[in-house]
Amino acid sequence: MTFKELGIQDALVKALVENGIEEPTAIQEKSIPFLITKGTDFIGQAQTGTGKTAAFGLPLLQTVNPKSSQPQALILSPTRELGQQIQKQLFRFTKYYHKVFCEAVYGGASIDQQINNLKRPTHIVVATPGRLLDLVDRNAIDLSEVKTVVMDEADEMLSMGFKEDLSKILRLTTNKKATWLFSATFPAGINDIVNKHMDKDAFRIEVNPFNVINKKIKFEYILAEQKQKIETLNWFIRSQGDARGVVFTRTKAEAQQVSKQLHGKQFKAEAIHGDLSQKERDKVMRAFKGNKLQILVATDLAARGIDIADLAYVVHYQLPDKMEYFTHRSGRTARAGRSGTSLCIVSKREMTKLDDIEDSLGITMEQIFD
């Protein structure tokens, strides 16, 4: 199946190919034809990093009217980083397409600047819920022509306390024709939103995690007790030469600690986590994207939205609490057709959890450095 066979126009396909996106993922194959031809209420369950942005972004680009200067689609995102990533991807997709303009608005940045930006023609708005409501309160955004509302990573928005904000936004978009919801999991709060704000006959799809694992990722693990982990990480990074990667931890404190330890071993490394201000997080991400850092140490939530094509590896310094986080972490490498490594550094008592990951995702991890 090709993107053209799914109903994507040639100008968009040309940009996709240029960005190394040639074959649709499972969620794209299942969702794009419906979203283009029907476009009514839609519920998609799939892990993070499975190509959801293109799954909803391409149909949106084809349905908005470029001759109207008002927002016609609204994409809600849990974090600033993910919102920025969505905006950038949509911009890349439109290189050979009509002039469809997308604006991202989020907390931690100048609201006055965002208000000025929204005075320009804007067809699609990507927003974090809190900042969107701030703009509504200031009468700085017109939602009257919004026909489609997309909730991306809805479960994360709920875990961050945005449930009431989401409900308010869905009530404010009174002229919308459809709500598209994407979520990795479906806690009770998600079902509440679905039942209150979506059609009971909404089209539903689910993508099994087994189908979303990138075949170009090599999965490996190293056995090391806690006190040996930093030396094991040191060995692995040095074995990769100048290659760049991301090291994942579960906690903010661990991310900060690992970053300091890598500094002590003369690596150019910085941490990104929830205790940093938005300005500090932006500074770290600019340095990493600008090749001034070799290693980014990140917690799961802070890492949402990281989209860098040349990452050679990810390291799970601590195994994640949720299965979908493992998929999301691993998906930071082997992007745009490249290959990459996903390495777990685990103690003997963590082997059971490692077995669970292998069984759930249908993968086999190779032990190295025995």
Protein backbone atom coordinates (compact mmCIF):
# COMPACT_ATOMS: atom_id res chain seq x y z
CA MET A 1 0.00 0.00 0.00
CA THR A 2 1.29 3.47 -0.92
CA PHE A 3 0.27 6.91 0.31
CA LYS A 4 -1.18 7.65 -3.12
CA GLU A 5 -3.34 4.52 -2.90
CA LEU A 6 -4.56 5.76 0.50
CA GLY A 7 -5.84 8.94 -1.18
CA ILE A 8 -2.97 11.35 -0.50
CA GLN A 9 -2.42 13.92 -3.24
CA ASP A 10 0.77 13.84 -5.34
CA ALA A 11 2.13 17.15 -4.00
CA LEU A 12 2.00 15.81 -0.45
CA VAL A 13 3.43 12.44 -1.44
CA LYS A 14 6.40 14.20 -3.06
CA ALA A 15 7.20 15.97 0.22
CA LEU A 16 6.78 12.73 2.18
CA VAL A 17 9.29 10.92 -0.03
CA GLU A 18 11.70 13.83 0.30
CA ASN A 19 11.49 13.42 4.07
CA GLY A 20 12.17 9.67 3.92
CA ILE A 21 8.53 8.65 4.48
CA GLU A 22 7.68 6.24 1.67
CA GLU A 23 5.60 3.43 3.19
CA PRO A 24 2.54 4.03 5.38
CA THR A 25 2.58 2.66 8.92
CA ALA A 26 -0.22 0.45 10.23
CA ILE A 27 -2.17 3.32 11.80
CA GLN A 28 -1.80 5.42 8.64
CA GLU A 29 -3.17 2.61 6.48
CA LYS A 30 -6.13 2.12 8.79
CA SER A 31 -7.02 5.75 9.44
CA ILE A 32 -6.16 7.90 6.39
CA PRO A 33 -8.79 6.54 3.95
CA PHE A 34 -11.58 7.03 6.50
CA LEU A 35 -10.41 10.48 7.61
CA ILE A 36 -10.18 11.68 4.00
CA THR A 37 -13.46 10.24 2.70
CA LYS A 38 -15.66 10.41 5.83
CA GLY A 39 -13.86 12.58 8.35
CA THR A 40 -16.49 12.05 11.05
CA ASP A 41 -15.78 11.22 14.71
CA PHE A 42 -12.78 8.91 14.97
CA ILE A 43 -10.99 7.06 17.78
CA GLY A 44 -7.52 5.61 17.17
CA GLN A 45 -5.58 3.59 19.72
CA ALA A 46 -1.87 3.28 18.98
CA GLN A 47 1.41 3.71 20.80
CA THR A 48 3.45 6.90 20.65
CA GLY A 49 5.89 7.05 17.75
CA THR A 50 3.74 5.09 15.30
CA GLY A 51 3.18 7.84 12.74
CA LYS A 52 0.04 9.43 14.16
CA THR A 53 0.99 12.96 13.06
CA ALA A 54 0.86 11.98 9.40
CA ALA A 55 -2.23 9.85 10.06
CA PHE A 56 -4.29 12.89 11.05
CA GLY A 57 -2.13 15.65 9.55
CA LEU A 58 -2.33 14.59 5.91
CA PRO A 59 -6.16 14.33 5.89
CA LEU A 60 -6.39 17.71 7.63
CA LEU A 61 -4.17 19.36 5.02
CA GLN A 62 -6.38 18.00 2.26
CA THR A 63 -9.65 19.10 3.86
CA VAL A 64 -8.88 22.71 4.90
CA ASN A 65 -9.77 25.52 2.51
CA PRO A 66 -6.60 27.58 1.86
CA LYS A 67 -8.72 30.52 0.64
CA SER A 68 -10.18 31.04 4.12
CA SER A 69 -7.89 32.83 6.56
CA GLN A 70 -9.56 31.51 9.73
CA PRO A 71 -8.58 28.37 11.70
CA GLN A 72 -10.47 25.35 10.38
CA ALA A 73 -8.74 22.64 12.39
CA LEU A 74 -7.48 22.48 15.96
CA ILE A 75 -4.87 19.98 17.16
CA LEU A 76 -4.52 19.63 20.94
CA SER A 77 -1.17 18.42 22.29
CA PRO A 78 -0.05 17.62 25.86
CA THR A 79 3.34 19.36 25.61
CA ARG A 80 5.03 22.27 23.93
CA GLU A 81 7.65 19.98 22.37
CA LEU A 82 5.08 17.72 20.74
CA GLY A 83 3.13 20.74 19.52
CA GLN A 84 6.24 22.17 17.91
CA GLN A 85 7.02 18.83 16.30
CA ILE A 86 3.51 18.56 14.83
CA GLN A 87 3.72 22.08 13.41
CA LYS A 88 7.12 21.40 11.84
CA GLN A 89 5.97 18.15 10.27
CA LEU A 90 2.90 19.75 8.74
CA PHE A 91 5.11 22.52 7.38
CA ARG A 92 7.41 19.95 5.76
CA PHE A 93 4.45 18.10 4.24
CA THR A 94 3.22 21.26 2.48
CA LYS A 95 6.47 22.09 0.64
CA TYR A 96 4.89 21.39 -2.77
CA TYR A 97 1.27 21.84 -1.68
CA HIS A 98 -1.12 24.76 -1.32
CA LYS A 99 -0.23 27.48 1.17
CA VAL A 100 -1.77 25.96 4.28
CA PHE A 101 -0.53 27.78 7.37
CA CYS A 102 -0.16 26.15 10.78
CA GLU A 103 0.50 28.02 14.03
CA ALA A 104 1.60 26.44 17.32
CA VAL A 105 0.62 28.06 20.63
CA TYR A 106 1.79 26.86 24.04
CA GLY A 107 2.67 27.97 27.54
CA GLY A 108 6.16 29.12 28.46
CA ALA A 109 6.37 31.50 25.50
CA SER A 110 5.22 35.09 24.96
CA ILE A 111 1.44 35.13 24.66
CA ASP A 112 1.60 38.58 23.07
CA GLN A 113 3.80 37.22 20.29
CA GLN A 114 1.42 34.33 19.76
CA ILE A 115 -1.52 36.75 19.58
CA ASN A 116 0.30 38.70 16.87
CA ASN A 117 1.09 35.47 14.98
CA LEU A 118 -2.58 34.49 15.03
CA LYS A 119 -3.49 37.71 13.24
CA ARG A 120 -1.91 36.22 10.14
CA PRO A 121 -3.84 33.74 7.99
CA THR A 122 -3.92 30.52 10.02
CA HIS A 123 -5.64 27.36 8.82
CA ILE A 124 -4.55 24.89 11.50
CA VAL A 125 -3.80 25.69 15.15
CA VAL A 126 -1.71 23.32 17.27
CA ALA A 127 -2.19 24.12 20.96
CA THR A 128 -1.63 22.97 24.50
CA PRO A 129 -5.03 23.15 26.24
CA GLY A 130 -4.11 25.73 28.87
CA ARG A 131 -2.62 28.24 26.45
CA LEU A 132 -5.53 27.85 24.04
CA LEU A 133 -8.01 28.77 26.79
CA ASP A 134 -5.84 31.76 27.74
CA LEU A 135 -6.08 32.96 24.14
CA VAL A 136 -9.84 32.39 24.11
CA ASP A 137 -10.20 34.43 27.30
CA ARG A 138 -8.37 37.29 25.57
CA ASN A 139 -10.56 36.99 22.46
CA ALA A 140 -7.33 36.41 20.53
CA ILE A 141 -8.45 33.35 18.57
CA ASP A 142 -11.58 32.67 16.53
CA LEU A 143 -12.80 29.07 16.79
CA SER A 144 -16.07 29.64 14.93
CA GLU A 145 -14.86 28.02 11.70
CA VAL A 146 -13.10 25.05 13.32
CA LYS A 147 -14.60 21.95 11.75
CA THR A 148 -12.21 19.32 13.14
CA VAL A 149 -10.68 18.96 16.59
CA VAL A 150 -7.82 16.48 17.01
CA MET A 151 -6.77 15.29 20.47
CA ASP A 152 -3.28 13.81 20.15
CA GLU A 153 -1.97 11.66 23.01
CA ALA A 154 -5.20 12.19 24.88
CA ASP A 155 -4.19 9.92 27.77
CA GLU A 156 -1.13 12.08 28.44
CA MET A 157 -3.26 15.22 28.46
CA LEU A 158 -5.48 13.62 31.08
CA SER A 159 -2.52 12.48 33.19
CA MET A 160 -1.30 16.10 33.14
CA GLY A 161 -4.62 17.33 34.52
CA PHE A 162 -6.20 18.70 31.33
CA LYS A 163 -9.51 16.81 31.50
CA GLU A 164 -11.67 19.84 32.34
CA ASP A 165 -9.77 22.00 29.84
CA LEU A 166 -10.42 19.45 27.09
CA SER A 167 -14.12 19.31 27.89
CA LYS A 168 -14.34 23.10 27.87
CA ILE A 169 -12.57 23.32 24.50
CA LEU A 170 -14.87 20.70 22.99
CA ARG A 171 -17.86 22.71 24.22
CA LEU A 172 -16.41 25.94 22.79
CA THR A 173 -15.96 24.51 19.28
CA THR A 174 -19.69 24.52 18.65
CA ASN A 175 -19.48 24.42 14.84
CA LYS A 176 -17.16 21.45 14.61
CA LYS A 177 -18.21 18.49 12.47
CA ALA A 178 -15.78 15.94 13.87
CA THR A 179 -13.54 15.05 16.78
CA TRP A 180 -10.55 12.80 16.15
CA LEU A 181 -9.02 11.24 19.26
CA PHE A 182 -5.67 9.44 19.37
CA SER A 183 -4.49 7.72 22.54
CA ALA A 184 -2.10 4.94 23.52
CA THR A 185 -4.30 3.84 26.43
CA PHE A 186 -7.93 4.33 27.40
CA PRO A 187 -8.26 5.17 31.10
CA ALA A 188 -11.69 6.02 32.53
CA GLY A 189 -11.21 9.73 31.85
CA ILE A 190 -10.82 9.12 28.13
CA ASN A 191 -14.02 7.11 28.04
CA ASP A 192 -15.80 9.96 29.84
CA ILE A 193 -14.73 12.39 27.11
CA VAL A 194 -15.71 9.96 24.38
CA ASN A 195 -19.15 9.37 25.90
CA LYS A 196 -19.86 13.07 26.51
CA HIS A 197 -18.39 14.71 23.43
CA MET A 198 -18.26 12.16 20.61
CA ASP A 199 -20.74 10.26 18.50
CA LYS A 200 -21.60 6.84 19.89
CA ASP A 201 -20.95 5.40 16.43
CA ALA A 202 -17.47 6.96 16.12
CA PHE A 203 -15.17 4.96 13.83
CA ARG A 204 -12.63 3.03 15.93
CA ILE A 205 -9.31 1.43 15.08
CA GLU A 206 -6.61 -0.19 17.18
CA VAL A 207 -3.05 -0.90 16.16
CA ASN A 208 -1.36 -3.77 17.97
CA PRO A 209 2.06 -2.77 19.37
CA PHE A 210 3.61 -5.73 17.51
CA ASN A 211 2.82 -4.00 14.22
CA VAL A 212 4.46 -0.70 15.11
CA ILE A 213 7.99 -1.75 16.00
CA ASN A 214 10.46 -0.31 13.49
CA LYS A 215 12.22 -3.24 11.81
CA LYS A 216 15.39 -1.15 11.48
CA ILE A 217 15.87 -0.99 15.26
CA LYS A 218 18.31 -3.49 16.78
CA PHE A 219 17.26 -4.42 20.32
CA GLU A 220 20.02 -5.27 22.80
CA TYR A 221 20.52 -5.51 26.56
CA ILE A 222 23.40 -5.54 29.03
CA LEU A 223 23.23 -7.08 32.50
CA ALA A 224 24.58 -4.69 35.14
CA GLU A 225 23.72 -4.07 38.77
CA GLN A 226 22.83 -0.51 39.82
CA LYS A 227 26.33 0.47 40.96
CA GLN A 228 27.77 -0.75 37.66
CA LYS A 229 25.29 1.00 35.38
CA ILE A 230 27.15 4.27 34.85
CA GLU A 231 30.37 2.45 33.90
CA THR A 232 28.40 0.21 31.56
CA LEU A 233 26.82 3.29 29.99
CA ASN A 234 30.28 4.86 29.68
CA TRP A 235 31.57 1.76 27.87
CA PHE A 236 28.61 1.65 25.49
CA ILE A 237 28.76 5.34 24.54
CA ARG A 238 32.51 5.13 23.87
CA SER A 239 31.92 2.04 21.72
CA GLN A 240 29.65 4.19 19.53
CA GLY A 241 32.38 6.71 18.68
CA ASP A 242 30.97 10.16 17.94
CA ALA A 243 27.44 8.88 17.36
CA ARG A 244 24.66 10.72 19.19
CA GLY A 245 21.86 9.28 21.27
CA VAL A 246 19.33 9.68 24.06
CA VAL A 247 19.59 8.10 27.51
CA PHE A 248 16.22 7.57 29.21
CA THR A 249 15.56 7.53 32.94
CA ARG A 250 12.34 7.16 34.90
CA THR A 251 12.89 10.01 37.33
CA LYS A 252 13.98 13.65 37.17
CA ALA A 253 16.58 13.09 39.89
CA GLU A 254 18.12 10.19 37.99
CA ALA A 255 18.23 12.19 34.76
CA GLN A 256 20.10 14.99 36.51
CA GLN A 257 22.47 12.54 38.21
CA VAL A 258 23.31 10.62 35.03
CA SER A 259 23.91 13.87 33.16
CA LYS A 260 26.39 15.03 35.82
CA GLN A 261 28.16 11.67 35.80
CA LEU A 262 28.52 11.77 32.01
CA HIS A 263 29.89 15.30 32.29
CA GLY A 264 32.47 13.92 34.69
CA LYS A 265 33.52 11.42 32.04
CA GLN A 266 34.04 14.26 29.53
CA PHE A 267 30.92 13.67 27.47
CA LYS A 268 28.91 16.59 26.12
CA ALA A 269 25.64 15.71 27.80
CA GLU A 270 22.68 17.60 29.26
CA ALA A 271 19.45 16.55 30.94
CA ILE A 272 15.88 17.51 30.08
CA HIS A 273 13.15 16.94 32.67
CA GLY A 274 10.07 18.49 34.21
CA ASP A 275 11.89 20.55 36.86
CA LEU A 276 13.56 22.69 34.20
CA SER A 277 11.89 25.92 33.16
CA GLN A 278 10.63 26.09 29.58
CA LYS A 279 13.48 28.45 28.73
CA GLU A 280 16.03 25.96 30.11
CA ARG A 281 14.43 23.05 28.23
CA ASP A 282 14.47 25.03 24.98
CA LYS A 283 18.15 25.87 25.50
CA VAL A 284 19.06 22.21 25.96
CA MET A 285 17.03 21.12 22.93
CA ARG A 286 18.58 23.82 20.73
CA ALA A 287 22.04 22.66 21.76
CA PHE A 288 21.17 19.03 21.05
CA LYS A 289 19.56 19.72 17.70
CA GLY A 290 22.50 21.97 16.80
CA ASN A 291 24.99 19.13 17.37
CA LYS A 292 26.55 20.91 20.35
CA LEU A 293 25.64 17.96 22.58
CA GLN A 294 26.39 14.29 21.97
CA ILE A 295 23.97 12.89 24.53
CA LEU A 296 20.58 13.95 25.82
CA VAL A 297 19.46 12.45 29.14
CA ALA A 298 15.68 12.60 29.36
CA THR A 299 12.64 11.51 31.31
CA ASP A 300 9.73 10.10 29.31
CA LEU A 301 7.37 13.06 29.48
CA ALA A 302 10.11 15.62 28.77
CA ALA A 303 11.21 13.64 25.71
CA ARG A 304 7.84 13.80 23.95
CA GLY A 305 8.28 15.66 20.71
CA ILE A 306 11.96 14.82 20.17
CA ASP A 307 12.30 14.30 16.43
CA ILE A 308 15.94 14.19 15.33
CA ALA A 309 16.80 12.10 12.28
CA ASP A 310 20.40 11.10 13.01
CA LEU A 311 20.21 9.52 16.47
CA ALA A 312 22.19 6.28 16.40
CA TYR A 313 20.89 4.83 19.65
CA VAL A 314 18.67 5.13 22.68
CA VAL A 315 19.60 3.70 26.07
CA HIS A 316 17.04 2.61 28.64
CA TYR A 317 19.10 3.37 31.76
CA GLN A 318 15.96 2.62 33.73
CA LEU A 319 13.14 0.58 32.23
CA PRO A 320 9.94 2.61 31.78
CA ASP A 321 6.84 2.22 33.94
CA LYS A 322 4.56 1.88 30.91
CA MET A 323 4.92 -0.39 27.90
CA GLU A 324 4.03 2.40 25.47
CA TYR A 325 6.96 4.45 26.79
CA PHE A 326 9.34 1.72 25.63
CA THR A 327 7.93 1.98 22.11
CA HIS A 328 8.14 5.77 22.22
CA ARG A 329 11.72 5.73 23.53
CA SER A 330 12.93 3.21 20.97
CA GLY A 331 11.23 5.13 18.19
CA ARG A 332 13.58 8.10 18.70
CA THR A 333 16.23 6.16 16.76
CA ALA A 334 16.09 4.56 13.29
CA ARG A 335 14.10 7.47 11.85
CA ALA A 336 13.76 8.53 8.22
CA GLY A 337 14.84 5.13 6.90
CA ARG A 338 18.00 4.85 9.01
CA SER A 339 18.92 2.00 11.36
CA GLY A 340 19.56 2.33 15.09
CA THR A 341 20.01 0.56 18.42
CA SER A 342 17.74 0.36 21.45
CA LEU A 343 19.80 -0.78 24.45
CA CYS A 344 18.48 -1.76 27.89
CA ILE A 345 20.86 -1.71 30.88
CA VAL A 346 19.18 -4.01 33.39
CA SER A 347 19.90 -5.81 36.65
CA LYS A 348 19.09 -9.47 37.15
CA ARG A 349 15.91 -8.64 39.04
CA GLU A 350 14.70 -6.58 36.06
CA MET A 351 14.94 -9.50 33.64
CA THR A 352 11.30 -10.48 34.23
CA LYS A 353 10.20 -7.03 33.12
CA LEU A 354 12.48 -7.30 30.10
CA ASP A 355 10.85 -10.63 29.20
CA ASP A 356 7.43 -8.96 29.46
CA ILE A 357 8.53 -6.26 27.00
CA GLU A 358 9.79 -8.88 24.54
CA ASP A 359 6.56 -10.89 24.77
CA SER A 360 4.27 -7.87 24.49
CA LEU A 361 6.04 -6.32 21.51
CA GLY A 362 7.06 -9.52 19.73
CA ILE A 363 10.76 -8.65 19.75
CA THR A 364 13.94 -10.45 20.74
CA MET A 365 16.74 -8.63 22.53
CA GLU A 366 20.33 -9.76 22.12
CA GLN A 367 22.57 -9.79 25.18
CA ILE A 368 25.90 -8.03 24.70
CA PHE A 369 28.91 -7.41 26.91
CA ASP A 370 28.30 -10.64 28.87
